[in-house]
Amino acid sequence: MGEPPLTYLTGWRMTLAADLLTERESATVAEVARVVGYSDPFAFSVAFKRVRGMSPSAFRRTGAPARSA
C-alpha cells in the first residue's frame, strides 16, 4: 500500500463518503458522517475538506469527482 494505516483508513472513509454524498441526495452530512465512522459531523467535514479539497456540501452541489490524495 505504501501509506500509514490511518491515512489509508481516512482515504477509504472519504471515498465512501463521496459516493454516499452523490448517491443519497436526501442523506444529511451528519448521516453520512455517522455511516463512515465519525460521531461529529464537524470533524467529518474538516477531514473531508482536507482530503477532497472542498466541504461535503460543496462536493455534493458540484458533483465533483474525488481528488486522489
Protein backbone atom coordinates (compact mmCIF):
# COMPACT_ATOMS: atom_id res chain seq x y z
CA MET A 1 0.00 0.00 0.00
CA GLY A 2 2.83 2.39 0.78
CA GLU A 3 0.95 4.59 3.27
CA PRO A 4 0.30 4.54 7.02
CA PRO A 5 -2.79 2.62 8.14
CA LEU A 6 -4.66 5.69 9.42
CA THR A 7 -4.00 7.58 6.19
CA TYR A 8 -5.38 4.63 4.23
CA LEU A 9 -8.43 4.40 6.51
CA THR A 10 -9.17 8.11 6.20
CA GLY A 11 -8.87 7.94 2.41
CA TRP A 12 -11.15 4.92 2.27
CA ARG A 13 -13.73 6.66 4.51
CA MET A 14 -13.67 9.79 2.35
CA THR A 15 -14.09 7.76 -0.84
CA LEU A 16 -17.10 6.03 0.71
CA ALA A 17 -18.43 9.39 1.90
CA ALA A 18 -18.06 10.91 -1.57
CA ASP A 19 -20.05 8.01 -3.03
CA LEU A 20 -22.76 8.41 -0.40
CA LEU A 21 -22.98 12.16 -0.91
CA THR A 22 -23.64 11.71 -4.62
CA GLU A 23 -25.82 8.59 -4.42
CA ARG A 24 -28.01 9.52 -1.45
CA GLU A 25 -29.08 13.08 -2.07
CA SER A 26 -31.54 13.01 0.82
CA ALA A 27 -28.89 11.98 3.37
CA THR A 28 -27.60 14.79 5.55
CA VAL A 29 -23.89 15.39 6.07
CA ALA A 30 -24.36 14.23 9.68
CA GLU A 31 -25.87 10.94 8.47
CA VAL A 32 -23.02 10.37 6.02
CA ALA A 33 -20.54 11.19 8.79
CA ARG A 34 -22.07 8.53 11.04
CA VAL A 35 -22.09 5.91 8.27
CA VAL A 36 -18.37 6.37 7.61
CA GLY A 37 -17.45 6.30 11.29
CA TYR A 38 -17.48 9.90 12.54
CA SER A 39 -19.64 10.78 15.54
CA ASP A 40 -19.06 14.51 15.00
CA PRO A 41 -20.22 15.99 11.66
CA PHE A 42 -17.86 18.95 12.11
CA ALA A 43 -14.83 16.66 12.46
CA PHE A 44 -16.02 14.75 9.40
CA SER A 45 -16.37 17.97 7.39
CA VAL A 46 -12.87 19.10 8.36
CA ALA A 47 -11.39 15.72 7.38
CA PHE A 48 -13.37 15.62 4.12
CA LYS A 49 -12.17 19.09 3.17
CA ARG A 50 -8.56 18.19 4.00
CA VAL A 51 -8.69 15.05 1.84
CA ARG A 52 -11.01 16.16 -1.00
CA GLY A 53 -10.26 19.88 -1.15
CA MET A 54 -13.84 21.05 -0.56
CA SER A 55 -16.56 20.69 2.02
CA PRO A 56 -19.02 17.79 1.78
CA SER A 57 -21.84 20.21 0.93
CA ALA A 58 -19.83 21.85 -1.84
CA PHE A 59 -18.84 18.43 -3.15
CA ARG A 60 -22.49 17.40 -3.30
CA ARG A 61 -23.53 20.65 -5.04
CA THR A 62 -20.84 20.42 -7.72
CA GLY A 63 -20.84 16.66 -8.10
CA ALA A 64 -17.05 16.98 -8.15
CA PRO A 65 -15.02 13.86 -8.82
CA ALA A 66 -12.92 12.53 -5.96
CA ARG A 67 -9.44 14.06 -5.72
CA SER A 68 -6.72 11.48 -5.25
CA ALA A 69 -4.70 12.04 -2.13
